[in-house]
Amino acid sequence: MARLRLWLVMLPLVVAGTEVGASVVDQFAPREYEGAELFATTNESHALLLPAAALGVAVLLLAVWACTKAAPARMRLPRWVFACLPPLVFFVQEHVEHLISHGAPWTLAVDPTFVAGLCLQAPFALAAYLVARLLVAAATAIARRRTGRPPAAAPPVVCFAPAPAPFPRLRPAGSRRLTRGPPLIAA
């Protein structure tokens, strides 16, 4: 169940990041690249943008709320989702749009605008990952506070002490004074 909650937090953010990246590409794309763009103002699908965004926000908020109700001790976001899904969603979306408007999706892979849009998915995926991580951490902290569990123990501090000298220093018999030489730490 915890995995489902994490997926419900991650997917709306991945889709939102992908769509924002695609809209940035569409702003700077040449006329021959544009066609049947999803959620474009010249399309009928533009009317679906607000309900789709509202649904995504509702799913995200409900998933975060569910995480605050029963969060495990440690929730980890899989990084591969944010590394693989945004470029894949962008790739599929652009090819479908290009197929609908131009009829030849195989020519899209060599288009510089498409390659730039594919590269532009990385910063938006990173931003989506950071937002998801922040939301999950906040939900986990709220769940911990609600259940009264103490926060996770901090990792122990490692101090580097000098290693013991491999050979003991010799002292003259009956003398309390150390022999001359470098300090014990340097020896």
Foldseek 3Di string as FASTA:
>chain_A
DLVVLLCLQQVLLLVVLLVVLVVVLVVPDDPVLDFQAQLDPVDPNVVVPVVVNVVSVVSNVVSLVVCLQDPPLDDDHDLVCLVPVSLVVLLVRSLVRCCVGPVDSVVLVPDPSSVVSSVSSVVSSVVSVVVSVVSNVVSSVSNCVVVVPDRDDDDDDDDDDQDFDPDDFDDDPPDPDGDDDDDRSVD
